[in-house]
């Protein structure tokens, strides 16, 4: 049942993107600022890996990302479950 719903959702999203016209080009300012952010983060991770062992650095960065991402993911999951009346989540 869940697999069928997910497959139908993916097919719907693909159909929407196939019908949509081509998207305009991304502004250069947005590309430059994103590139700067990625560069700063990769430098920080490089220094962090230098201080710690690579496996410990990977585990700690993964844990930090999981902690910060838990609440938004939890809220989105509950919102989706509330929208499906079969589950009865209030």
Protein backbone atom coordinates (compact mmCIF):
# COMPACT_ATOMS: atom_id res chain seq x y z
CA UNK A 1 0.00 0.00 0.00
CA UNK A 2 2.71 2.47 1.00
CA UNK A 3 4.88 1.47 -1.95
CA UNK A 4 1.92 1.99 -4.27
CA UNK A 5 1.27 5.48 -2.83
CA UNK A 6 4.94 6.43 -3.16
CA UNK A 7 5.10 5.10 -6.73
CA UNK A 8 1.98 7.06 -7.66
CA UNK A 9 3.43 10.20 -6.05
CA UNK A 10 6.69 9.88 -7.96
CA UNK A 11 4.80 9.27 -11.21
CA UNK A 12 2.68 12.36 -10.56
CA UNK A 13 5.73 14.52 -9.90
CA UNK A 14 7.43 13.21 -13.05
CA UNK A 15 4.31 13.94 -15.09
CA UNK A 16 4.19 17.50 -13.75
CA UNK A 17 7.85 18.10 -14.61
CA UNK A 18 7.40 16.65 -18.11
CA UNK A 19 4.51 19.03 -18.83
CA UNK A 20 6.26 22.11 -17.38
CA UNK A 21 8.13 24.40 -19.76
CA UNK A 22 11.87 24.86 -19.40
CA UNK A 23 12.86 26.72 -16.26
CA UNK A 24 14.74 30.01 -16.62
CA UNK A 25 18.46 30.18 -15.94
CA UNK A 26 19.56 30.58 -12.34
CA UNK A 27 20.82 34.09 -11.54
CA UNK A 28 24.60 34.36 -11.31
CA UNK A 29 24.38 35.96 -7.84
CA UNK A 30 22.63 32.87 -6.48
CA UNK A 31 25.19 30.56 -8.08
CA UNK A 32 28.09 32.60 -6.66
CA UNK A 33 26.63 32.74 -3.14
CA UNK A 34 25.91 29.00 -3.14
CA UNK A 35 29.43 28.31 -4.39
CA UNK A 36 30.86 30.48 -1.60
CA UNK A 37 28.79 28.65 1.03
CA UNK A 38 29.88 25.24 -0.24
CA UNK A 39 33.51 26.40 -0.30
CA UNK A 40 33.35 27.66 3.31
CA UNK A 41 31.67 24.46 4.51
CA UNK A 42 34.21 22.24 2.75
CA UNK A 43 37.09 24.21 4.30
CA UNK A 44 35.51 23.84 7.75
CA UNK A 45 35.05 20.10 7.25
CA UNK A 46 38.67 19.82 6.09
CA UNK A 47 39.95 21.49 9.27
CA UNK A 48 37.58 19.37 11.35
CA UNK A 49 38.84 16.16 9.73
CA UNK A 50 42.43 17.28 10.32
CA UNK A 51 41.78 17.66 14.05
CA UNK A 52 39.79 14.43 14.43
CA UNK A 53 40.16 11.03 12.82
CA UNK A 54 38.13 10.74 9.59
CA UNK A 55 35.74 8.11 10.94
CA UNK A 56 35.04 10.08 14.13
CA UNK A 57 34.60 13.29 12.13
CA UNK A 58 32.12 11.58 9.79
CA UNK A 59 30.10 10.16 12.69
CA UNK A 60 30.01 13.44 14.60
CA UNK A 61 29.01 15.52 11.55
CA UNK A 62 26.29 12.97 10.74
CA UNK A 63 24.99 13.15 14.32
CA UNK A 64 24.94 16.97 14.26
CA UNK A 65 23.02 17.00 10.97
CA UNK A 66 20.57 14.39 12.31
CA UNK A 67 19.95 16.40 15.48
CA UNK A 68 19.26 19.62 13.56
CA UNK A 69 17.10 17.87 10.94
CA UNK A 70 14.99 15.78 13.33
CA UNK A 71 12.37 18.36 14.28
CA UNK A 72 11.53 19.60 10.74
CA UNK A 73 11.39 16.03 9.43
CA UNK A 74 9.17 15.02 12.37
CA UNK A 75 6.79 17.93 11.73
CA UNK A 76 6.57 17.13 8.02
CA UNK A 77 5.94 13.44 8.72
CA UNK A 78 3.14 14.23 11.18
CA UNK A 79 1.62 16.74 8.77
CA UNK A 80 1.54 14.07 6.05
CA UNK A 81 0.07 11.49 8.44
CA UNK A 82 -2.64 13.94 9.55
CA UNK A 83 -3.62 14.52 5.93
CA UNK A 84 -4.29 10.79 5.39
CA UNK A 85 -7.56 10.02 7.23
CA UNK A 86 -7.05 6.24 7.15
CA UNK A 87 -4.28 6.39 9.77
CA UNK A 88 -6.37 8.34 12.29
CA UNK A 89 -3.48 10.46 13.59
CA UNK A 90 -4.68 13.58 15.42
